[in-house]
Amino acid sequence: AEDQLSAHCLAIHHAADDNFIDARLWRTIATALGYSP
């Protein structure tokens, strides 16, 4: 539903879980949705 923070949470979750392919995917999606630190 285009929630930027949820996409970012998924990126962080997957990075912490050593799943860097999914982490990079979700980071890209979060950025595309407008996430910015």
Full PDB file with SEQRES, HELIX, SHEET, SSBOND, CRYST1, ORIGX, SCALE, CONECT and MASTER records, all heavy atoms in Angstrom:
SEQRES   1 A   37  ALA GLU ASP GLN LEU SER ALA HIS CYS LEU ALA ILE HIS          
SEQRES   2 A   37  HIS ALA ALA ASP ASP ASN PHE ILE ASP ALA ARG LEU TRP          
SEQRES   3 A   37  ARG THR ILE ALA THR ALA LEU GLY TYR SER PRO                  
HELIX    1 AA1 GLN A    4  ALA A   16  1                                  13    
HELIX    2 AA2 PHE A   20  LEU A   33  1                                  14    
CRYST1    1.000    1.000    1.000  90.00  90.00  90.00 P 1           1          
ORIGX1      1.000000  0.000000  0.000000        0.00000                         
ORIGX2      0.000000  1.000000  0.000000        0.00000                         
ORIGX3      0.000000  0.000000  1.000000        0.00000                         
SCALE1      1.000000  0.000000  0.000000        0.00000                         
SCALE2      0.000000  1.000000  0.000000        0.00000                         
SCALE3      0.000000  0.000000  1.000000        0.00000                         
ATOM      1  N   ALA A   1       0.842  -1.204   0.000  1.00  0.00           N  
ATOM      2  CA  ALA A   1       0.000   0.000   0.000  1.00  0.00           C  
ATOM      3  C   ALA A   1       0.874   1.251   0.000  1.00  0.00           C  
ATOM      4  O   ALA A   1       0.436   2.325   0.383  1.00  0.00           O  
ATOM      5  CB  ALA A   1      -0.931  -0.008   1.198  1.00  0.00           C  
ATOM      6  N   GLU A   2       2.132   1.090  -0.410  1.00  0.00           N  
ATOM      7  CA  GLU A   2       3.094   2.180  -0.590  1.00  0.00           C  
ATOM      8  C   GLU A   2       3.553   2.836   0.706  1.00  0.00           C  
ATOM      9  O   GLU A   2       3.850   4.024   0.744  1.00  0.00           O  
ATOM     10  CB  GLU A   2       2.559   3.221  -1.578  1.00  0.00           C  
ATOM     11  CG  GLU A   2       2.284   2.633  -2.937  1.00  0.00           C  
ATOM     12  CD  GLU A   2       1.820   3.650  -3.960  1.00  0.00           C  
ATOM     13  OE1 GLU A   2       1.680   4.847  -3.622  1.00  0.00           O  
ATOM     14  OE2 GLU A   2       1.605   3.242  -5.099  1.00  0.00           O  
ATOM     15  N   ASP A   3       3.638   2.060   1.772  1.00  0.00           N  
ATOM     16  CA  ASP A   3       4.171   2.570   3.032  1.00  0.00           C  
ATOM     17  C   ASP A   3       5.691   2.441   2.996  1.00  0.00           C  
ATOM     18  O   ASP A   3       6.229   1.332   3.047  1.00  0.00           O  
ATOM     19  CB  ASP A   3       3.584   1.785   4.212  1.00  0.00           C  
ATOM     20  CG  ASP A   3       4.035   2.349   5.537  1.00  0.00           C  
ATOM     21  OD1 ASP A   3       3.592   3.462   5.878  1.00  0.00           O  
ATOM     22  OD2 ASP A   3       4.847   1.687   6.205  1.00  0.00           O  
ATOM     23  N   GLN A   4       6.373   3.592   2.911  1.00  0.00           N  
ATOM     24  CA  GLN A   4       7.831   3.593   2.770  1.00  0.00           C  
ATOM     25  C   GLN A   4       8.529   2.954   3.956  1.00  0.00           C  
ATOM     26  O   GLN A   4       9.507   2.220   3.785  1.00  0.00           O  
ATOM     27  CB  GLN A   4       8.369   5.039   2.643  1.00  0.00           C  
ATOM     28  CG  GLN A   4       7.784   5.845   1.557  1.00  0.00           C  
ATOM     29  CD  GLN A   4       6.714   6.799   2.056  1.00  0.00           C  
ATOM     30  OE1 GLN A   4       6.180   6.671   3.142  1.00  0.00           O  
ATOM     31  NE2 GLN A   4       6.381   7.766   1.222  1.00  0.00           N  
ATOM     32  N   LEU A   5       8.055   3.224   5.161  1.00  0.00           N  
ATOM     33  CA  LEU A   5       8.715   2.693   6.348  1.00  0.00           C  
ATOM     34  C   LEU A   5       8.592   1.172   6.443  1.00  0.00           C  
ATOM     35  O   LEU A   5       9.498   0.504   6.925  1.00  0.00           O  
ATOM     36  CB  LEU A   5       8.170   3.359   7.607  1.00  0.00           C  
ATOM     37  CG  LEU A   5       8.553   4.829   7.767  1.00  0.00           C  
ATOM     38  CD1 LEU A   5       7.878   5.413   9.007  1.00  0.00           C  
ATOM     39  CD2 LEU A   5      10.046   5.004   7.850  1.00  0.00           C  
ATOM     40  N   SER A   6       7.480   0.627   5.974  1.00  0.00           N  
ATOM     41  CA  SER A   6       7.336  -0.833   5.975  1.00  0.00           C  
ATOM     42  C   SER A   6       8.342  -1.474   5.030  1.00  0.00           C  
ATOM     43  O   SER A   6       8.957  -2.488   5.365  1.00  0.00           O  
ATOM     44  CB  SER A   6       5.914  -1.228   5.577  1.00  0.00           C  
ATOM     45  OG  SER A   6       5.011  -0.848   6.583  1.00  0.00           O  
ATOM     46  N   ALA A   7       8.521  -0.871   3.865  1.00  0.00           N  
ATOM     47  CA  ALA A   7       9.516  -1.391   2.923  1.00  0.00           C  
ATOM     48  C   ALA A   7      10.909  -1.299   3.539  1.00  0.00           C  
ATOM     49  O   ALA A   7      11.728  -2.216   3.407  1.00  0.00           O  
ATOM     50  CB  ALA A   7       9.440  -0.632   1.601  1.00  0.00           C  
ATOM     51  N   HIS A   8      11.192  -0.208   4.244  1.00  0.00           N  
ATOM     52  CA  HIS A   8      12.484  -0.051   4.905  1.00  0.00           C  
ATOM     53  C   HIS A   8      12.654  -1.091   6.018  1.00  0.00           C  
ATOM     54  O   HIS A   8      13.733  -1.677   6.172  1.00  0.00           O  
ATOM     55  CB  HIS A   8      12.620   1.361   5.463  1.00  0.00           C  
ATOM     56  CG  HIS A   8      13.899   1.582   6.195  1.00  0.00           C  
ATOM     57  ND1 HIS A   8      15.124   1.626   5.564  1.00  0.00           N  
ATOM     58  CD2 HIS A   8      14.150   1.741   7.518  1.00  0.00           C  
ATOM     59  CE1 HIS A   8      16.076   1.815   6.461  1.00  0.00           C  
ATOM     60  NE2 HIS A   8      15.505   1.886   7.646  1.00  0.00           N  
ATOM     61  N   CYS A   9      11.605  -1.331   6.794  1.00  0.00           N  
ATOM     62  CA  CYS A   9      11.663  -2.359   7.845  1.00  0.00           C  
ATOM     63  C   CYS A   9      11.975  -3.726   7.248  1.00  0.00           C  
ATOM     64  O   CYS A   9      12.743  -4.501   7.822  1.00  0.00           O  
ATOM     65  CB  CYS A   9      10.351  -2.406   8.621  1.00  0.00           C  
ATOM     66  SG  CYS A   9      10.087  -1.005   9.716  1.00  0.00           S  
ATOM     67  N   LEU A  10      11.406  -4.018   6.096  1.00  0.00           N  
ATOM     68  CA  LEU A  10      11.695  -5.291   5.424  1.00  0.00           C  
ATOM     69  C   LEU A  10      13.157  -5.361   4.996  1.00  0.00           C  
ATOM     70  O   LEU A  10      13.797  -6.407   5.125  1.00  0.00           O  
ATOM     71  CB  LEU A  10      10.765  -5.482   4.220  1.00  0.00           C  
ATOM     72  CG  LEU A  10       9.337  -5.854   4.586  1.00  0.00           C  
ATOM     73  CD1 LEU A  10       8.401  -5.619   3.408  1.00  0.00           C  
ATOM     74  CD2 LEU A  10       9.269  -7.296   5.059  1.00  0.00           C  
ATOM     75  N   ALA A  11      13.685  -4.251   4.500  1.00  0.00           N  
ATOM     76  CA  ALA A  11      15.098  -4.231   4.098  1.00  0.00           C  
ATOM     77  C   ALA A  11      15.995  -4.506   5.298  1.00  0.00           C  
ATOM     78  O   ALA A  11      16.919  -5.330   5.222  1.00  0.00           O  
ATOM     79  CB  ALA A  11      15.444  -2.883   3.463  1.00  0.00           C  
ATOM     80  N   ILE A  12      15.724  -3.848   6.412  1.00  0.00           N  
ATOM     81  CA  ILE A  12      16.532  -4.040   7.617  1.00  0.00           C  
ATOM     82  C   ILE A  12      16.383  -5.461   8.158  1.00  0.00           C  
ATOM     83  O   ILE A  12      17.358  -6.104   8.545  1.00  0.00           O  
ATOM     84  CB  ILE A  12      16.145  -3.005   8.693  1.00  0.00           C  
ATOM     85  CG1 ILE A  12      16.483  -1.599   8.216  1.00  0.00           C  
ATOM     86  CG2 ILE A  12      16.812  -3.318  10.023  1.00  0.00           C  
ATOM     87  CD1 ILE A  12      17.953  -1.362   7.967  1.00  0.00           C  
ATOM     88  N   HIS A  13      15.156  -5.973   8.166  1.00  0.00           N  
ATOM     89  CA  HIS A  13      14.919  -7.333   8.651  1.00  0.00           C  
ATOM     90  C   HIS A  13      15.728  -8.341   7.831  1.00  0.00           C  
ATOM     91  O   HIS A  13      16.406  -9.203   8.392  1.00  0.00           O  
ATOM     92  CB  HIS A  13      13.429  -7.671   8.580  1.00  0.00           C  
ATOM     93  CG  HIS A  13      13.149  -9.131   8.702  1.00  0.00           C  
ATOM     94  ND1 HIS A  13      13.249  -9.807   9.894  1.00  0.00           N  
ATOM     95  CD2 HIS A  13      12.797 -10.048   7.765  1.00  0.00           C  
ATOM     96  CE1 HIS A  13      12.968 -11.089   9.690  1.00  0.00           C  
ATOM     97  NE2 HIS A  13      12.694 -11.252   8.415  1.00  0.00           N  
ATOM     98  N   HIS A  14      15.661  -8.232   6.510  1.00  0.00           N  
ATOM     99  CA  HIS A  14      16.375  -9.189   5.666  1.00  0.00           C  
ATOM    100  C   HIS A  14      17.889  -9.029   5.784  1.00  0.00           C  
ATOM    101  O   HIS A  14      18.622 -10.020   5.750  1.00  0.00           O  
ATOM    102  CB  HIS A  14      15.913  -9.063   4.219  1.00  0.00           C  
ATOM    103  CG  HIS A  14      14.538  -9.597   3.992  1.00  0.00           C  
ATOM    104  ND1 HIS A  14      14.192 -10.902   4.231  1.00  0.00           N  
ATOM    105  CD2 HIS A  14      13.402  -8.994   3.563  1.00  0.00           C  
ATOM    106  CE1 HIS A  14      12.911 -11.094   3.958  1.00  0.00           C  
ATOM    107  NE2 HIS A  14      12.412  -9.943   3.554  1.00  0.00           N  
ATOM    108  N   ALA A  15      18.374  -7.789   5.951  1.00  0.00           N  
ATOM    109  CA  ALA A  15      19.814  -7.584   6.136  1.00  0.00           C  
ATOM    110  C   ALA A  15      20.279  -8.228   7.433  1.00  0.00           C  
ATOM    111  O   ALA A  15      21.317  -8.884   7.475  1.00  0.00           O  
ATOM    112  CB  ALA A  15      20.140  -6.100   6.120  1.00  0.00           C  
ATOM    113  N   ALA A  16      19.508  -8.051   8.491  1.00  0.00           N  
ATOM    114  CA  ALA A  16      19.869  -8.650   9.778  1.00  0.00           C  
ATOM    115  C   ALA A  16      19.809 -10.164   9.731  1.00  0.00           C  
ATOM    116  O   ALA A  16      20.507 -10.848  10.480  1.00  0.00           O  
ATOM    117  CB  ALA A  16      18.942  -8.122  10.871  1.00  0.00           C  
ATOM    118  N   ASP A  17      19.000 -10.693   8.813  1.00  0.00           N  
ATOM    119  CA  ASP A  17      18.835 -12.136   8.642  1.00  0.00           C  
ATOM    120  C   ASP A  17      19.818 -12.701   7.610  1.00  0.00           C  
ATOM    121  O   ASP A  17      19.692 -13.848   7.198  1.00  0.00           O  
ATOM    122  CB  ASP A  17      17.397 -12.420   8.206  1.00  0.00           C  
ATOM    123  CG  ASP A  17      16.868 -13.730   8.727  1.00  0.00           C  
ATOM    124  OD1 ASP A  17      17.423 -14.247   9.697  1.00  0.00           O  
ATOM    125  OD2 ASP A  17      15.888 -14.229   8.140  1.00  0.00           O  
ATOM    126  N   ASP A  18      20.775 -11.881   7.167  1.00  0.00           N  
ATOM    127  CA  ASP A  18      21.790 -12.265   6.161  1.00  0.00           C  
ATOM    128  C   ASP A  18      21.192 -12.622   4.808  1.00  0.00           C  
ATOM    129  O   ASP A  18      21.785 -13.375   4.045  1.00  0.00           O  
ATOM    130  CB  ASP A  18      22.665 -13.424   6.656  1.00  0.00           C  
ATOM    131  CG  ASP A  18      23.577 -13.003   7.788  1.00  0.00           C  
ATOM    132  OD1 ASP A  18      23.854 -11.794   7.914  1.00  0.00           O  
ATOM    133  OD2 ASP A  18      24.019 -13.883   8.547  1.00  0.00           O  
ATOM    134  N   ASN A  19      20.035 -12.103   4.497  1.00  0.00           N  
ATOM    135  CA  ASN A  19      19.413 -12.319   3.191  1.00  0.00           C  
ATOM    136  C   ASN A  19      19.570 -11.022   2.400  1.00  0.00           C  
ATOM    137  O   ASN A  19      18.650 -10.223   2.292  1.00  0.00           O  
ATOM    138  CB  ASN A  19      17.936 -12.679   3.361  1.00  0.00           C  
ATOM    139  CG  ASN A  19      17.272 -13.025   2.050  1.00  0.00           C  
ATOM    140  OD1 ASN A  19      17.790 -12.736   0.978  1.00  0.00           O  
ATOM    141  ND2 ASN A  19      16.111 -13.632   2.135  1.00  0.00           N  
ATOM    142  N   PHE A  20      20.781 -10.816   1.858  1.00  0.00           N  
ATOM    143  CA  PHE A  20      21.123  -9.530   1.265  1.00  0.00           C  
ATOM    144  C   PHE A  20      20.463  -9.295  -0.089  1.00  0.00           C  
ATOM    145  O   PHE A  20      20.263  -8.144  -0.476  1.00  0.00           O  
ATOM    146  CB  PHE A  20      22.637  -9.380   1.181  1.00  0.00           C  
ATOM    147  CG  PHE A  20      23.267  -9.424   2.543  1.00  0.00           C  
ATOM    148  CD1 PHE A  20      24.044 -10.499   2.929  1.00  0.00           C  
ATOM    149  CD2 PHE A  20      23.027  -8.421   3.461  1.00  0.00           C  
ATOM    150  CE1 PHE A  20      24.591 -10.552   4.192  1.00  0.00           C  
ATOM    151  CE2 PHE A  20      23.567  -8.466   4.737  1.00  0.00           C  
ATOM    152  CZ  PHE A  20      24.353  -9.533   5.099  1.00  0.00           C  
ATOM    153  N   ILE A  21      20.089 -10.339  -0.778  1.00  0.00           N  
ATOM    154  CA  ILE A  21      19.375 -10.146  -2.043  1.00  0.00           C  
ATOM    155  C   ILE A  21      18.022  -9.513  -1.771  1.00  0.00           C  
ATOM    156  O   ILE A  21      17.656  -8.491  -2.377  1.00  0.00           O  
ATOM    157  CB  ILE A  21      19.251 -11.480  -2.808  1.00  0.00           C  
ATOM    158  CG1 ILE A  21      20.638 -11.951  -3.258  1.00  0.00           C  
ATOM    159  CG2 ILE A  21      18.304 -11.334  -3.993  1.00  0.00           C  
ATOM    160  CD1 ILE A  21      20.662 -13.348  -3.814  1.00  0.00           C  
ATOM    161  N   ASP A  22      17.255 -10.085  -0.844  1.00  0.00           N  
ATOM    162  CA  ASP A  22      15.956  -9.506  -0.492  1.00  0.00           C  
ATOM    163  C   ASP A  22      16.118  -8.147   0.177  1.00  0.00           C  
ATOM    164  O   ASP A  22      15.313  -7.237  -0.032  1.00  0.00           O  
ATOM    165  CB  ASP A  22      15.166 -10.443   0.414  1.00  0.00           C  
ATOM    166  CG  ASP A  22      14.572 -11.621  -0.332  1.00  0.00           C  
ATOM    167  OD1 ASP A  22      14.627 -11.631  -1.591  1.00  0.00           O  
ATOM    168  OD2 ASP A  22      14.046 -12.533   0.328  1.00  0.00           O  
ATOM    169  N   ALA A  23      17.172  -7.995   0.980  1.00  0.00           N  
ATOM    170  CA  ALA A  23      17.409  -6.711   1.640  1.00  0.00           C  
ATOM    171  C   ALA A  23      17.620  -5.606   0.615  1.00  0.00           C  
ATOM    172  O   ALA A  23      17.047  -4.517   0.737  1.00  0.00           O  
ATOM    173  CB  ALA A  23      18.616  -6.814   2.568  1.00  0.00           C  
ATOM    174  N   ARG A  24      18.445  -5.882  -0.403  1.00  0.00           N  
ATOM    175  CA  ARG A  24      18.673  -4.867  -1.441  1.00  0.00           C  
ATOM    176  C   ARG A  24      17.403  -4.598  -2.235  1.00  0.00           C  
ATOM    177  O   ARG A  24      17.122  -3.455  -2.596  1.00  0.00           O  
ATOM    178  CB  ARG A  24      19.812  -5.297  -2.353  1.00  0.00           C  
ATOM    179  CG  ARG A  24      21.166  -5.159  -1.699  1.00  0.00           C  
ATOM    180  CD  ARG A  24      22.309  -5.350  -2.680  1.00  0.00           C  
ATOM    181  NE  ARG A  24      22.245  -6.603  -3.388  1.00  0.00           N  
ATOM    182  CZ  ARG A  24      22.714  -7.773  -2.938  1.00  0.00           C  
ATOM    183  NH1 ARG A  24      23.267  -7.822  -1.749  1.00  0.00           N  
ATOM    184  NH2 ARG A  24      22.633  -8.861  -3.652  1.00  0.00           N  
ATOM    185  N   LEU A  25      16.615  -5.616  -2.488  1.00  0.00           N  
ATOM    186  CA  LEU A  25      15.352  -5.427  -3.203  1.00  0.00           C  
ATOM    187  C   LEU A  25      14.434  -4.496  -2.422  1.00  0.00           C  
ATOM    188  O   LEU A  25      13.907  -3.520  -2.965  1.00  0.00           O  
ATOM    189  CB  LEU A  25      14.658  -6.772  -3.436  1.00  0.00           C  
ATOM    190  CG  LEU A  25      13.220  -6.687  -3.946  1.00  0.00           C  
ATOM    191  CD1 LEU A  25      13.198  -6.157  -5.373  1.00  0.00           C  
ATOM    192  CD2 LEU A  25      12.540  -8.024  -3.846  1.00  0.00           C  
ATOM    193  N   TRP A  26      14.260  -4.763  -1.129  1.00  0.00           N  
ATOM    194  CA  TRP A  26      13.370  -3.934  -0.321  1.00  0.00           C  
ATOM    195  C   TRP A  26      13.927  -2.536  -0.108  1.00  0.00           C  
ATOM    196  O   TRP A  26      13.182  -1.566  -0.018  1.00  0.00           O  
ATOM    197  CB  TRP A  26      13.031  -4.616   1.001  1.00  0.00           C  
ATOM    198  CG  TRP A  26      11.997  -5.675   0.789  1.00  0.00           C  
ATOM    199  CD1 TRP A  26      12.178  -7.025   0.832  1.00  0.00           C  
ATOM    200  CD2 TRP A  26      10.623  -5.468   0.445  1.00  0.00           C  
ATOM    201  NE1 TRP A  26      10.995  -7.667   0.541  1.00  0.00           N  
ATOM    202  CE2 TRP A  26      10.027  -6.731   0.301  1.00  0.00           C  
ATOM    203  CE3 TRP A  26       9.837  -4.339   0.245  1.00  0.00           C  
ATOM    204  CZ2 TRP A  26       8.693  -6.900  -0.019  1.00  0.00           C  
ATOM    205  CZ3 TRP A  26       8.505  -4.489  -0.080  1.00  0.00           C  
ATOM    206  CH2 TRP A  26       7.947  -5.770  -0.211  1.00  0.00           C  
ATOM    207  N   ARG A  27      15.255  -2.408  -0.053  1.00  0.00           N  
ATOM    208  CA  ARG A  27      15.839  -1.070   0.048  1.00  0.00           C  
ATOM    209  C   ARG A  27      15.530  -0.271  -1.215  1.00  0.00           C  
ATOM    210  O   ARG A  27      15.173   0.903  -1.145  1.00  0.00           O  
ATOM    211  CB  ARG A  27      17.337  -1.136   0.270  1.00  0.00           C  
ATOM    212  CG  ARG A  27      17.916   0.269   0.502  1.00  0.00           C  
ATOM    213  CD  ARG A  27      19.382   0.254   0.684  1.00  0.00           C  
ATOM    214  NE  ARG A  27      20.016   0.083  -0.623  1.00  0.00           N  
ATOM    215  CZ  ARG A  27      21.293   0.279  -0.838  1.00  0.00           C  
ATOM    216  NH1 ARG A  27      22.079   0.620   0.140  1.00  0.00           N  
ATOM    217  NH2 ARG A  27      21.795   0.114  -2.032  1.00  0.00           N  
ATOM    218  N   THR A  28      15.623  -0.927  -2.354  1.00  0.00           N  
ATOM    219  CA  THR A  28      15.314  -0.260  -3.617  1.00  0.00           C  
ATOM    220  C   THR A  28      13.840   0.135  -3.666  1.00  0.00           C  
ATOM    221  O   THR A  28      13.496   1.246  -4.090  1.00  0.00           O  
ATOM    222  CB  THR A  28      15.665  -1.188  -4.806  1.00  0.00           C  
ATOM    223  OG1 THR A  28      17.063  -1.504  -4.731  1.00  0.00           O  
ATOM    224  CG2 THR A  28      15.350  -0.537  -6.128  1.00  0.00           C  
ATOM    225  N   ILE A  29      12.970  -0.757  -3.221  1.00  0.00           N  
ATOM    226  CA  ILE A  29      11.528  -0.452  -3.203  1.00  0.00           C  
ATOM    227  C   ILE A  29      11.252   0.699  -2.244  1.00  0.00           C  
ATOM    228  O   ILE A  29      10.504   1.631  -2.576  1.00  0.00           O  
ATOM    229  CB  ILE A  29      10.712  -1.705  -2.831  1.00  0.00           C  
ATOM    230  CG1 ILE A  29      10.800  -2.745  -3.954  1.00  0.00           C  
ATOM    231  CG2 ILE A  29       9.256  -1.339  -2.535  1.00  0.00           C  
ATOM    232  CD1 ILE A  29      10.242  -4.110  -3.594  1.00  0.00           C  
ATOM    233  N   ALA A  30      11.860   0.676  -1.057  1.00  0.00           N  
ATOM    234  CA  ALA A  30      11.651   1.753  -0.082  1.00  0.00           C  
ATOM    235  C   ALA A  30      12.086   3.096  -0.668  1.00  0.00           C  
ATOM    236  O   ALA A  30      11.384   4.105  -0.533  1.00  0.00           O  
ATOM    237  CB  ALA A  30      12.415   1.459   1.210  1.00  0.00           C  
ATOM    238  N   THR A  31      13.231   3.112  -1.334  1.00  0.00           N  
ATOM    239  CA  THR A  31      13.722   4.343  -1.945  1.00  0.00           C  
ATOM    240  C   THR A  31      12.785   4.807  -3.054  1.00  0.00           C  
ATOM    241  O   THR A  31      12.466   5.990  -3.154  1.00  0.00           O  
ATOM    242  CB  THR A  31      15.145   4.130  -2.503  1.00  0.00           C  
ATOM    243  OG1 THR A  31      15.989   3.710  -1.418  1.00  0.00           O  
ATOM    244  CG2 THR A  31      15.701   5.406  -3.101  1.00  0.00           C  
ATOM    245  N   ALA A  32      12.304   3.865  -3.864  1.00  0.00           N  
ATOM    246  CA  ALA A  32      11.369   4.218  -4.941  1.00  0.00           C  
ATOM    247  C   ALA A  32      10.062   4.788  -4.385  1.00  0.00           C  
ATOM    248  O   ALA A  32       9.437   5.647  -5.010  1.00  0.00           O  
ATOM    249  CB  ALA A  32      11.094   3.001  -5.814  1.00  0.00           C  
ATOM    250  N   LEU A  33       9.668   4.319  -3.208  1.00  0.00           N  
ATOM    251  CA  LEU A  33       8.440   4.824  -2.580  1.00  0.00           C  
ATOM    252  C   LEU A  33       8.657   6.171  -1.890  1.00  0.00           C  
ATOM    253  O   LEU A  33       7.696   6.797  -1.457  1.00  0.00           O  
ATOM    254  CB  LEU A  33       7.913   3.807  -1.556  1.00  0.00           C  
ATOM    255  CG  LEU A  33       7.349   2.519  -2.128  1.00  0.00           C  
ATOM    256  CD1 LEU A  33       7.002   1.542  -1.000  1.00  0.00           C  
ATOM    257  CD2 LEU A  33       6.130   2.797  -2.996  1.00  0.00           C  
ATOM    258  N   GLY A  34       9.922   6.598  -1.770  1.00  0.00           N  
ATOM    259  CA  GLY A  34      10.203   7.898  -1.176  1.00  0.00           C  
ATOM    260  C   GLY A  34      10.849   7.853   0.187  1.00  0.00           C  
ATOM    261  O   GLY A  34      10.968   8.889   0.844  1.00  0.00           O  
ATOM    262  N   TYR A  35      11.281   6.664   0.639  1.00  0.00           N  
ATOM    263  CA  TYR A  35      11.961   6.588   1.930  1.00  0.00           C  
ATOM    264  C   TYR A  35      13.285   7.343   1.860  1.00  0.00           C  
ATOM    265  O   TYR A  35      14.027   7.231   0.902  1.00  0.00           O  
ATOM    266  CB  TYR A  35      12.237   5.137   2.347  1.00  0.00           C  
ATOM    267  CG  TYR A  35      13.077   5.088   3.600  1.00  0.00           C  
ATOM    268  CD1 TYR A  35      12.495   5.263   4.838  1.00  0.00           C  
ATOM    269  CD2 TYR A  35      14.448   4.936   3.527  1.00  0.00           C  
ATOM    270  CE1 TYR A  35      13.261   5.267   5.994  1.00  0.00           C  
ATOM    271  CE2 TYR A  35      15.226   4.935   4.679  1.00  0.00           C  
ATOM    272  CZ  TYR A  35      14.622   5.107   5.899  1.00  0.00           C  
ATOM    273  OH  TYR A  35      15.383   5.120   7.029  1.00  0.00           O  
ATOM    274  N   SER A  36      13.572   8.093   2.899  1.00  0.00           N  
ATOM    275  CA  SER A  36      14.841   8.795   3.041  1.00  0.00           C  
ATOM    276  C   SER A  36      15.168   8.865   4.530  1.00  0.00           C  
ATOM    277  O   SER A  36      14.315   9.255   5.333  1.00  0.00           O  
ATOM    278  CB  SER A  36      14.704  10.202   2.450  1.00  0.00           C  
ATOM    279  OG  SER A  36      15.478  11.127   3.134  1.00  0.00           O  
ATOM    280  N   PRO A  37      16.399   8.473   4.917  1.00  0.00           N  
ATOM    281  CA  PRO A  37      16.740   8.515   6.342  1.00  0.00           C  
ATOM    282  C   PRO A  37      16.552   9.909   6.941  1.00  0.00           C  
ATOM    283  O   PRO A  37      16.070  10.045   8.058  1.00  0.00           O  
ATOM    284  CB  PRO A  37      18.205   8.103   6.380  1.00  0.00           C  
ATOM    285  CG  PRO A  37      18.443   7.366   5.121  1.00  0.00           C  
ATOM    286  CD  PRO A  37      17.485   7.943   4.105  1.00  0.00           C  
TER     287      PRO A  37                                                      
MASTER        0    0    0    2    0    0    0    6  286    1    0    3          
END                                                                             
